[in-house]
Amino acid sequence: MNEKLKKILSNLPSVPVPERKLDLSTKMKWTLAILLLFIVMSFVPVFGVSKSYSLSFEILQVLIASHFGSLLSLGIGPIVSASILIQMLQGTDIIHIDTSEREGRVLFQGIQKVAALSFILIENGVYVFSGALVPAGPGLFFPLVMFIQLVAAGIVLLFMDEVVSKWGIGSGISLFILAGISLQLINTTFNPFITPIGAIPSIISSFIAGIPLNALFPIITIISTVALFAVSIWLQGVKVELPLSFGRLKGYSIRWPVSLFYTSIIPIVLIVTMVAGVQFFGLTLFNAGNHLLGTYVTEHTLFGTQQVAVSGIAALLTPPTIQQLYVSATTTGITALELESMAFYTLILVVGAAAFSYIWMYLGGQDPKSVVKQLMESGLSMPGFRRDERVLVDIFKRYIVPLAILGGALTGLVAALATFLNTLTAGIGILLIVMIIYQFYFSLLQENGDEFRPIKDKIVGQSME
């Protein structure tokens, strides 16, 4: 890479780093301010979009923290896509930048920013000019105006992420995803004005109308959501602790935790995104007259008119919910396609998440060899074993690889169960909430532990340590 390009990448506009360590109060103010701005932007409609616009793939809103038809129609999608691409290129040594030094980190961040800006332009361009976001009228005027608005909002969101990362708590991307899912949970649980109404208003109205049977599935939905939250929280806490010691400081040791969800949320996000992509392109191809991925029929539901896959791989990746199975069982009978789609969807999520977890472990520099190298550079070793990289790699491989694969498979299983049980948020939403809250919790402990611990102890006591 020539020096001129390095200089350009190192001097791109960015949010300045605080000159001193920020206290918890300041971080909270910045985080809440950005969160409020994000919520406002997610409800501001894009000028020029058709009023008849509707969404067919709600799962995409959860994954990319978006609200289709608003300024955040693509949410964090372009930013995350760019980040994953650059990390994969770095992990495979296609690009090699030493991020252990400040100059390397600045250069790497510059490359990520250029990639993110490129993805913002390309993805919004495809989204608008392909007709995925229906314009209010013919011609190029409305699509062009919509494109400019979405690109401007995407750039603002990119800098909002930087503000949270440098001046707030945790990651801006995680904050936006958490906010989007939380808003969805509030709507599906309490909102009496949407169609269909929230679960609790639905239960109340069913009993008032003297039709308690109609409250059955909203009650199942609430119980399923709470149960899967409890399971996800428990799984998040499962870990193996490996003893490590400092060679130069005899008698001083630590325990290095290997979490069951070792590769965090990336693997399940990738596989669910792929599934949603197949469904999306299947519908796009069908509307263009190509039945390669499946055929669709138009159905009238509580959400309005929707095109539903009835054959092909798109149908196999669109499993029924427990309520849909009940309706089928009491009318025409449960079909072979419904059973096949449940099995196929579960298999794809479980195997896919496990495979992506294994792959991401190496691409993200979390594989046993990389971990051992970092620990040895810090002067750490395992008591009772020779300070030999090959020996330690073999030991760490026994724990890290199985946990990464098992953790990925379990995230896929939880996401599939949430889909079947029709929980209050999309299947992956429950896992994302739990993992992101844990990330924020440990971020607070590491960066502002002295201020955060007294507050935490007053609220929940000592149990979370």
Protein backbone atom coordinates (compact mmCIF):
# COMPACT_ATOMS: atom_id res chain seq x y z
CA MET A 1 0.00 0.00 0.00
CA ASN A 2 1.59 3.33 -1.07
CA GLU A 3 2.14 6.17 1.38
CA LYS A 4 -0.34 8.52 -0.32
CA LEU A 5 -3.20 6.03 0.10
CA LYS A 6 -2.16 5.39 3.70
CA LYS A 7 -2.27 9.12 4.38
CA ILE A 8 -5.77 9.42 2.90
CA LEU A 9 -7.09 6.45 4.92
CA SER A 10 -5.49 7.73 8.12
CA ASN A 11 -7.04 11.20 7.72
CA LEU A 12 -10.64 10.35 6.96
CA PRO A 13 -13.23 12.28 9.03
CA SER A 14 -13.81 10.54 12.34
CA VAL A 15 -15.14 11.12 15.83
CA PRO A 16 -12.27 12.22 18.11
CA VAL A 17 -11.22 9.97 20.96
CA PRO A 18 -11.76 11.47 24.45
CA GLU A 19 -8.59 13.00 25.88
CA ARG A 20 -9.29 11.49 29.31
CA LYS A 21 -11.16 8.53 30.71
CA LEU A 22 -14.88 9.30 30.77
CA ASP A 23 -16.96 8.76 33.88
CA LEU A 24 -20.07 6.58 33.81
CA SER A 25 -22.43 9.56 33.90
CA THR A 26 -20.90 11.12 30.77
CA LYS A 27 -20.97 7.80 28.92
CA MET A 28 -24.63 7.30 29.86
CA LYS A 29 -25.56 10.76 28.55
CA TRP A 30 -23.86 10.17 25.19
CA THR A 31 -25.37 6.69 24.89
CA LEU A 32 -28.90 7.89 25.68
CA ALA A 33 -28.57 10.86 23.30
CA ILE A 34 -27.51 8.61 20.40
CA LEU A 35 -30.22 6.09 21.32
CA LEU A 36 -32.89 8.80 21.19
CA LEU A 37 -31.62 10.02 17.83
CA PHE A 38 -31.65 6.46 16.48
CA ILE A 39 -35.28 5.94 17.59
CA VAL A 40 -36.36 9.25 16.02
CA MET A 41 -34.64 8.40 12.72
CA SER A 42 -36.26 4.94 12.67
CA PHE A 43 -39.71 6.55 12.71
CA VAL A 44 -39.10 9.36 10.21
CA PRO A 45 -40.50 8.16 6.87
CA VAL A 46 -38.50 8.53 3.68
CA PHE A 47 -39.94 11.30 1.52
CA GLY A 48 -41.06 9.88 -1.81
CA VAL A 49 -41.89 6.33 -0.67
CA SER A 50 -45.25 4.86 -1.65
CA LYS A 51 -47.85 4.88 1.16
CA SER A 52 -48.84 1.34 0.17
CA TYR A 53 -45.35 0.08 1.04
CA SER A 54 -45.32 -2.98 3.30
CA LEU A 55 -42.71 -5.42 4.62
CA SER A 56 -42.57 -9.12 3.86
CA PHE A 57 -39.44 -10.08 5.83
CA GLU A 58 -39.61 -8.86 9.41
CA ILE A 59 -36.56 -10.91 10.40
CA LEU A 60 -34.38 -8.50 8.41
CA GLN A 61 -35.51 -5.61 10.64
CA VAL A 62 -34.23 -7.48 13.70
CA LEU A 63 -30.88 -8.38 12.11
CA ILE A 64 -29.98 -4.96 10.76
CA ALA A 65 -31.80 -2.74 13.32
CA SER A 66 -33.92 -1.19 10.59
CA HIS A 67 -37.42 0.07 10.07
CA PHE A 68 -38.25 -0.36 6.39
CA GLY A 69 -39.78 2.74 4.82
CA SER A 70 -38.01 5.06 7.29
CA LEU A 71 -34.66 6.85 7.10
CA LEU A 72 -33.17 3.67 8.56
CA SER A 73 -34.62 1.34 5.95
CA LEU A 74 -31.33 -0.58 5.75
CA GLY A 75 -30.25 0.21 9.31
CA ILE A 76 -26.79 -1.09 10.17
CA GLY A 77 -26.82 -3.57 7.27
CA PRO A 78 -24.17 -1.81 5.11
CA ILE A 79 -21.91 -1.10 8.12
CA VAL A 80 -22.04 -4.69 9.37
CA SER A 81 -21.55 -6.12 5.87
CA ALA A 82 -18.44 -3.98 5.38
CA SER A 83 -17.06 -4.86 8.82
CA ILE A 84 -17.51 -8.62 8.29
CA LEU A 85 -15.91 -8.43 4.83
CA ILE A 86 -12.82 -6.54 6.06
CA GLN A 87 -12.41 -8.85 9.07
CA MET A 88 -12.61 -11.88 6.78
CA LEU A 89 -9.97 -10.38 4.45
CA GLN A 90 -7.76 -9.63 7.47
CA GLY A 91 -8.35 -13.09 8.97
CA THR A 92 -7.36 -14.83 5.73
CA ASP A 93 -4.30 -12.56 5.27
CA ILE A 94 -5.57 -11.19 1.96
CA ILE A 95 -4.93 -7.86 3.61
CA HIS A 96 -2.45 -7.78 6.48
CA ILE A 97 -2.31 -4.84 8.86
CA ASP A 98 -0.62 -4.94 12.25
CA THR A 99 -3.37 -3.65 14.55
CA SER A 100 -1.14 -3.97 17.64
CA GLU A 101 0.32 -0.55 16.79
CA ARG A 102 -1.60 2.72 16.72
CA GLU A 103 -0.73 3.46 13.06
CA GLY A 104 -2.03 0.03 12.04
CA ARG A 105 -5.26 0.48 13.98
CA VAL A 106 -5.92 3.89 12.41
CA LEU A 107 -5.23 2.46 8.94
CA PHE A 108 -7.49 -0.55 9.57
CA GLN A 109 -10.30 1.73 10.78
CA GLY A 110 -9.84 3.87 7.67
CA ILE A 111 -10.22 0.84 5.40
CA GLN A 112 -13.34 -0.22 7.31
CA LYS A 113 -14.81 3.27 6.94
CA VAL A 114 -14.20 3.37 3.18
CA ALA A 115 -15.78 -0.09 2.87
CA ALA A 116 -18.78 1.01 4.97
CA LEU A 117 -19.32 4.15 2.86
CA SER A 118 -19.10 2.03 -0.31
CA PHE A 119 -21.65 -0.45 1.02
CA ILE A 120 -23.96 2.42 2.07
CA LEU A 121 -23.92 3.75 -1.49
CA ILE A 122 -24.20 0.35 -3.22
CA GLU A 123 -26.83 -1.31 -0.99
CA ASN A 124 -29.08 1.75 -0.85
CA GLY A 125 -28.72 2.18 -4.60
CA VAL A 126 -29.75 -1.43 -5.26
CA TYR A 127 -32.55 -1.18 -2.69
CA VAL A 128 -34.07 1.97 -4.18
CA PHE A 129 -33.49 1.62 -7.93
CA SER A 130 -34.47 -2.07 -8.03
CA GLY A 131 -37.95 -1.11 -6.81
CA ALA A 132 -37.65 -2.91 -3.46
CA LEU A 133 -38.66 0.41 -1.89
CA VAL A 134 -41.66 1.46 -3.99
CA PRO A 135 -41.58 5.16 -5.04
CA ALA A 136 -44.63 7.40 -4.73
CA GLY A 137 -44.67 8.11 -8.46
CA PRO A 138 -43.11 7.30 -11.85
CA GLY A 139 -39.82 8.62 -13.13
CA LEU A 140 -36.42 9.10 -11.50
CA PHE A 141 -37.25 12.05 -9.21
CA PHE A 142 -38.67 10.10 -6.25
CA PRO A 143 -36.08 7.26 -6.37
CA LEU A 144 -33.24 9.79 -6.54
CA VAL A 145 -34.60 11.80 -3.59
CA MET A 146 -35.09 8.59 -1.60
CA PHE A 147 -31.55 7.46 -2.42
CA ILE A 148 -30.03 10.75 -1.21
CA GLN A 149 -32.00 10.58 2.06
CA LEU A 150 -31.03 6.98 2.77
CA VAL A 151 -27.34 7.54 1.99
CA ALA A 152 -27.25 10.64 4.23
CA ALA A 153 -28.95 8.71 7.05
CA GLY A 154 -26.52 5.80 6.58
CA ILE A 155 -23.51 8.14 6.90
CA VAL A 156 -25.00 9.76 10.02
CA LEU A 157 -25.55 6.29 11.50
CA LEU A 158 -21.93 5.38 10.78
CA PHE A 159 -20.73 8.33 12.86
CA MET A 160 -23.33 7.63 15.54
CA ASP A 161 -21.76 4.17 15.92
CA GLU A 162 -18.36 5.84 16.37
CA VAL A 163 -19.74 8.21 19.01
CA VAL A 164 -21.10 5.32 21.09
CA SER A 165 -17.90 3.28 20.71
CA LYS A 166 -15.66 6.17 21.80
CA TRP A 167 -17.87 8.27 24.09
CA GLY A 168 -20.62 5.88 25.19
CA ILE A 169 -21.08 2.35 26.50
CA GLY A 170 -20.19 -0.71 24.42
CA SER A 171 -20.75 -0.82 20.68
CA GLY A 172 -23.10 1.42 18.70
CA ILE A 173 -24.07 -1.48 16.42
CA SER A 174 -25.11 -3.58 19.43
CA LEU A 175 -27.01 -0.63 20.93
CA PHE A 176 -29.00 -0.11 17.72
CA ILE A 177 -29.89 -3.81 17.44
CA LEU A 178 -30.97 -3.88 21.10
CA ALA A 179 -33.11 -0.76 20.63
CA GLY A 180 -34.83 -2.18 17.54
CA ILE A 181 -35.66 -5.49 19.20
CA SER A 182 -36.85 -3.77 22.39
CA LEU A 183 -39.22 -1.56 20.41
CA GLN A 184 -40.57 -4.64 18.65
CA LEU A 185 -41.08 -6.42 21.99
CA ILE A 186 -42.97 -3.45 23.42
CA ASN A 187 -45.22 -3.31 20.35
CA THR A 188 -45.98 -7.04 20.20
CA THR A 189 -46.59 -7.22 23.95
CA PHE A 190 -48.46 -4.04 24.91
CA ASN A 191 -49.53 -1.99 21.87
CA PRO A 192 -53.35 -2.01 21.48
CA PHE A 193 -53.31 0.09 18.29
CA ILE A 194 -51.30 -2.07 15.87
CA THR A 195 -52.74 -4.90 13.75
CA PRO A 196 -52.68 -7.51 15.17
CA ILE A 197 -52.82 -5.97 18.64
CA GLY A 198 -50.25 -6.79 21.31
CA ALA A 199 -50.41 -10.07 23.22
CA ILE A 200 -51.61 -8.60 26.54
CA PRO A 201 -54.39 -6.39 25.01
CA SER A 202 -55.42 -9.45 22.96
CA ILE A 203 -55.74 -11.59 26.11
CA ILE A 204 -57.74 -8.90 27.91
CA SER A 205 -60.09 -8.31 24.96
CA SER A 206 -60.66 -12.07 24.59
CA PHE A 207 -61.84 -12.42 28.19
CA ILE A 208 -63.94 -9.25 28.00
CA ALA A 209 -65.62 -10.57 24.84
CA GLY A 210 -66.33 -13.89 26.59
CA ILE A 211 -64.10 -15.88 24.21
CA PRO A 212 -61.29 -17.08 26.50
CA LEU A 213 -60.15 -19.66 23.92
CA ASN A 214 -58.89 -16.80 21.75
CA ALA A 215 -56.43 -15.92 24.52
CA LEU A 216 -54.74 -19.34 24.31
CA PHE A 217 -52.11 -18.54 21.70
CA PRO A 218 -51.20 -15.06 23.04
CA ILE A 219 -50.65 -16.75 26.44
CA ILE A 220 -48.50 -19.47 24.80
CA THR A 221 -46.54 -16.72 23.03
CA ILE A 222 -45.79 -14.89 26.30
CA ILE A 223 -44.85 -18.09 28.18
CA SER A 224 -42.64 -19.25 25.28
CA THR A 225 -40.85 -15.89 25.16
CA VAL A 226 -40.17 -15.87 28.91
CA ALA A 227 -39.04 -19.53 28.86
CA LEU A 228 -36.61 -19.01 25.97
CA PHE A 229 -35.25 -15.88 27.62
CA ALA A 230 -34.54 -17.96 30.75
CA VAL A 231 -32.88 -20.72 28.68
CA SER A 232 -30.76 -18.19 26.75
CA ILE A 233 -29.64 -16.45 29.95
CA TRP A 234 -28.65 -19.79 31.48
CA LEU A 235 -26.75 -20.86 28.35
CA GLN A 236 -24.98 -17.50 28.23
CA GLY A 237 -23.59 -18.18 31.69
CA VAL A 238 -22.22 -21.65 30.84
CA LYS A 239 -18.43 -21.56 30.52
CA VAL A 240 -15.24 -23.52 31.12
CA GLU A 241 -12.50 -21.78 33.11
CA LEU A 242 -8.90 -22.71 32.26
CA PRO A 243 -6.21 -22.03 34.90
CA LEU A 244 -3.35 -19.79 33.79
CA SER A 245 -0.33 -18.43 35.63
CA PHE A 246 2.32 -15.76 35.10
CA GLY A 247 5.70 -17.40 34.67
CA ARG A 248 7.56 -14.53 36.30
CA LEU A 249 5.17 -14.10 39.22
CA LYS A 250 5.07 -17.34 41.15
CA GLY A 251 1.89 -17.96 43.09
CA TYR A 252 -0.16 -15.51 40.99
CA SER A 253 -2.74 -17.15 38.72
CA ILE A 254 -5.97 -16.36 36.91
CA ARG A 255 -8.80 -18.36 35.35
CA TRP A 256 -9.41 -17.74 31.64
CA PRO A 257 -13.11 -18.32 30.76
CA VAL A 258 -14.21 -20.04 27.54
CA SER A 259 -17.91 -19.27 27.09
CA LEU A 260 -20.37 -21.72 25.52
CA PHE A 261 -21.33 -18.91 23.13
CA TYR A 262 -17.66 -18.54 22.26
CA THR A 263 -18.13 -16.79 18.91
CA SER A 264 -21.03 -14.67 20.20
CA ILE A 265 -23.82 -13.59 17.82
CA ILE A 266 -21.99 -13.53 14.46
CA PRO A 267 -22.63 -17.18 13.39
CA ILE A 268 -26.39 -17.16 14.03
CA VAL A 269 -26.70 -13.72 12.40
CA LEU A 270 -24.91 -15.02 9.29
CA ILE A 271 -27.04 -18.16 8.88
CA VAL A 272 -30.34 -16.37 9.54
CA THR A 273 -29.32 -13.66 7.08
CA MET A 274 -28.63 -16.34 4.47
CA VAL A 275 -32.04 -17.93 5.09
CA ALA A 276 -33.78 -14.55 4.80
CA GLY A 277 -31.77 -13.86 1.64
CA VAL A 278 -32.96 -17.09 0.01
CA GLN A 279 -36.56 -16.22 0.89
CA PHE A 280 -36.16 -12.67 -0.42
CA PHE A 281 -34.51 -13.68 -3.71
CA GLY A 282 -37.01 -16.52 -4.11
CA LEU A 283 -39.86 -14.01 -4.03
CA THR A 284 -37.99 -11.60 -6.31
CA LEU A 285 -37.31 -14.34 -8.88
CA PHE A 286 -40.91 -15.59 -8.69
CA ASN A 287 -42.27 -12.10 -9.39
CA ALA A 288 -39.91 -11.97 -12.38
CA GLY A 289 -41.35 -15.26 -13.68
CA ASN A 290 -38.56 -17.56 -12.45
CA HIS A 291 -39.56 -20.44 -10.11
CA LEU A 292 -35.99 -21.57 -9.35
CA LEU A 293 -36.30 -21.16 -5.55
CA GLY A 294 -40.02 -21.82 -5.23
CA THR A 295 -43.54 -20.70 -6.02
CA TYR A 296 -45.72 -18.31 -4.04
CA VAL A 297 -49.41 -17.66 -3.47
CA THR A 298 -51.07 -14.49 -2.22
CA GLU A 299 -52.75 -14.78 1.19
CA HIS A 300 -54.77 -12.32 3.26
CA THR A 301 -53.55 -12.21 6.85
CA LEU A 302 -53.84 -9.90 9.85
CA PHE A 303 -50.74 -8.16 8.52
CA GLY A 304 -52.38 -7.49 5.15
CA THR A 305 -51.75 -9.15 1.80
CA GLN A 306 -48.63 -11.30 1.74
CA GLN A 307 -47.00 -13.68 -0.73
CA VAL A 308 -46.30 -17.03 0.94
CA ALA A 309 -43.99 -19.74 -0.42
CA VAL A 310 -45.78 -23.04 -1.13
CA SER A 311 -43.07 -25.07 -2.88
CA GLY A 312 -39.34 -25.28 -3.41
CA ILE A 313 -36.50 -24.41 -1.08
CA ALA A 314 -38.19 -21.11 -0.15
CA ALA A 315 -41.13 -23.07 1.29
CA LEU A 316 -38.80 -25.43 3.18
CA LEU A 317 -37.19 -22.37 4.76
CA THR A 318 -40.58 -20.94 5.82
CA PRO A 319 -41.67 -23.17 8.72
CA PRO A 320 -45.15 -22.95 10.28
CA THR A 321 -45.76 -21.54 13.75
CA ILE A 322 -47.56 -23.50 16.45
CA GLN A 323 -50.75 -21.53 15.73
CA GLN A 324 -50.57 -22.32 12.01
CA LEU A 325 -50.10 -26.03 12.83
CA TYR A 326 -53.18 -25.91 15.07
CA VAL A 327 -55.26 -24.34 12.29
CA SER A 328 -54.04 -26.97 9.83
CA ALA A 329 -54.73 -29.81 12.28
CA THR A 330 -58.31 -28.64 12.88
CA THR A 331 -59.13 -27.98 9.22
CA THR A 332 -57.33 -29.71 6.35
CA GLY A 333 -54.81 -31.62 8.47
CA ILE A 334 -51.08 -31.03 8.92
CA THR A 335 -49.37 -31.38 5.55
CA ALA A 336 -46.13 -33.15 4.72
CA LEU A 337 -44.67 -29.81 3.59
CA GLU A 338 -45.25 -28.29 7.04
CA LEU A 339 -43.45 -31.17 8.78
CA GLU A 340 -40.64 -31.17 6.22
CA SER A 341 -40.15 -27.42 6.53
CA MET A 342 -39.92 -27.65 10.34
CA ALA A 343 -37.25 -30.34 10.12
CA PHE A 344 -35.34 -28.69 7.25
CA TYR A 345 -35.41 -25.21 8.82
CA THR A 346 -34.15 -26.55 12.17
CA LEU A 347 -31.40 -28.56 10.46
CA ILE A 348 -30.22 -25.57 8.42
CA LEU A 349 -30.11 -23.25 11.45
CA VAL A 350 -28.40 -25.77 13.75
CA VAL A 351 -25.82 -27.07 11.26
CA GLY A 352 -25.34 -23.67 9.63
CA ALA A 353 -24.75 -21.83 12.91
CA ALA A 354 -22.33 -24.56 14.08
CA ALA A 355 -20.40 -24.38 10.79
CA PHE A 356 -20.26 -20.57 10.78
CA SER A 357 -19.15 -20.62 14.42
CA TYR A 358 -16.23 -22.90 13.52
CA ILE A 359 -15.30 -20.79 10.50
CA TRP A 360 -15.63 -17.47 12.34
CA MET A 361 -13.44 -18.80 15.16
CA TYR A 362 -10.53 -18.82 12.67
CA LEU A 363 -11.50 -15.73 10.67
CA GLY A 364 -11.97 -13.67 13.82
CA GLY A 365 -8.64 -14.68 15.36
CA GLN A 366 -10.30 -16.71 18.14
CA ASP A 367 -8.84 -20.08 17.17
CA PRO A 368 -6.65 -21.99 19.68
CA LYS A 369 -3.36 -21.05 17.99
CA SER A 370 -4.16 -17.31 17.93
CA VAL A 371 -5.41 -17.35 21.53
CA VAL A 372 -2.34 -19.22 22.82
CA LYS A 373 -0.03 -16.84 20.95
CA GLN A 374 -1.69 -13.82 22.57
CA LEU A 375 -1.57 -15.39 26.04
CA MET A 376 2.10 -16.35 25.72
CA GLU A 377 2.96 -12.83 24.55
CA SER A 378 1.32 -11.61 27.78
CA GLY A 379 3.54 -13.93 29.81
CA LEU A 380 0.80 -16.44 30.64
CA SER A 381 1.07 -20.23 30.61
CA MET A 382 -0.80 -23.23 31.99
CA PRO A 383 0.42 -24.61 35.34
CA GLY A 384 1.82 -28.15 35.11
CA PHE A 385 2.62 -27.95 31.38
CA ARG A 386 5.71 -26.92 29.47
CA ARG A 387 5.69 -23.39 28.11
CA ASP A 388 5.50 -24.72 24.58
CA GLU A 389 3.07 -23.26 22.04
CA ARG A 390 2.27 -26.64 20.44
CA VAL A 391 1.43 -28.23 23.81
CA LEU A 392 -0.82 -25.34 24.85
CA VAL A 393 -2.55 -25.25 21.45
CA ASP A 394 -3.47 -28.94 21.81
CA ILE A 395 -4.91 -28.31 25.30
CA PHE A 396 -6.90 -25.24 24.25
CA LYS A 397 -8.17 -27.05 21.16
CA ARG A 398 -9.88 -29.64 23.39
CA TYR A 399 -12.07 -26.90 24.88
CA ILE A 400 -12.38 -24.06 22.38
CA VAL A 401 -13.31 -26.04 19.24
CA PRO A 402 -16.07 -28.22 20.82
CA LEU A 403 -17.54 -25.22 22.68
CA ALA A 404 -17.54 -23.08 19.54
CA ILE A 405 -19.35 -25.78 17.53
CA LEU A 406 -21.79 -26.73 20.32
CA GLY A 407 -22.52 -23.09 21.14
CA GLY A 408 -23.27 -22.31 17.50
CA ALA A 409 -25.57 -25.32 17.20
CA LEU A 410 -27.47 -24.32 20.35
CA THR A 411 -28.01 -20.76 19.11
CA GLY A 412 -29.51 -22.24 15.92
CA LEU A 413 -31.79 -24.52 17.96
CA VAL A 414 -33.02 -21.67 20.19
CA ALA A 415 -33.69 -19.48 17.14
CA ALA A 416 -35.66 -22.29 15.45
CA LEU A 417 -37.72 -22.95 18.60
CA ALA A 418 -38.53 -19.26 18.91
CA THR A 419 -39.76 -19.26 15.31
CA PHE A 420 -42.03 -22.29 15.84
CA LEU A 421 -43.41 -20.94 19.13
CA ASN A 422 -44.03 -17.53 17.53
CA THR A 423 -42.35 -15.60 20.34
CA LEU A 424 -42.90 -11.88 20.83
CA THR A 425 -39.80 -11.08 18.81
CA ALA A 426 -38.30 -12.84 15.80
CA GLY A 427 -36.49 -16.11 16.54
CA ILE A 428 -33.02 -14.59 16.70
CA GLY A 429 -34.16 -11.55 18.69
CA ILE A 430 -34.16 -13.30 22.08
CA LEU A 431 -30.57 -14.47 21.65
CA LEU A 432 -29.44 -11.06 20.47
CA ILE A 433 -30.99 -9.30 23.48
CA VAL A 434 -29.34 -11.66 25.97
CA MET A 435 -25.90 -11.59 24.32
CA ILE A 436 -25.88 -7.81 23.82
CA ILE A 437 -26.95 -7.10 27.42
CA TYR A 438 -24.13 -9.36 28.64
CA GLN A 439 -21.70 -7.46 26.39
CA PHE A 440 -22.83 -4.12 27.85
CA TYR A 441 -22.64 -5.54 31.39
CA PHE A 442 -19.03 -6.72 31.05
CA SER A 443 -18.08 -3.54 29.17
CA LEU A 444 -19.29 -1.50 32.16
CA LEU A 445 -17.41 -3.75 34.59
CA GLN A 446 -14.15 -3.44 32.64
CA GLU A 447 -14.25 0.28 31.81
CA ASN A 448 -16.17 1.83 34.73
CA GLY A 449 -16.23 -0.94 37.32
CA ASP A 450 -15.65 1.35 40.32
CA GLU A 451 -18.75 3.40 39.52
CA PHE A 452 -20.90 0.58 38.14
CA ARG A 453 -20.44 -2.08 40.85
CA PRO A 454 -22.16 -0.10 43.66
CA ILE A 455 -25.14 0.60 41.38
CA LYS A 456 -25.32 -3.06 40.30
CA ASP A 457 -25.07 -4.31 43.89
CA LYS A 458 -28.00 -2.12 44.97
CA ILE A 459 -30.18 -3.46 42.14
CA VAL A 460 -29.32 -7.17 41.86
CA GLY A 461 -26.86 -7.88 44.64
CA GLN A 462 -23.67 -9.88 44.17
CA SER A 463 -25.11 -12.79 42.14
CA MET A 464 -23.99 -11.66 38.66
CA GLU A 465 -20.28 -11.54 39.47
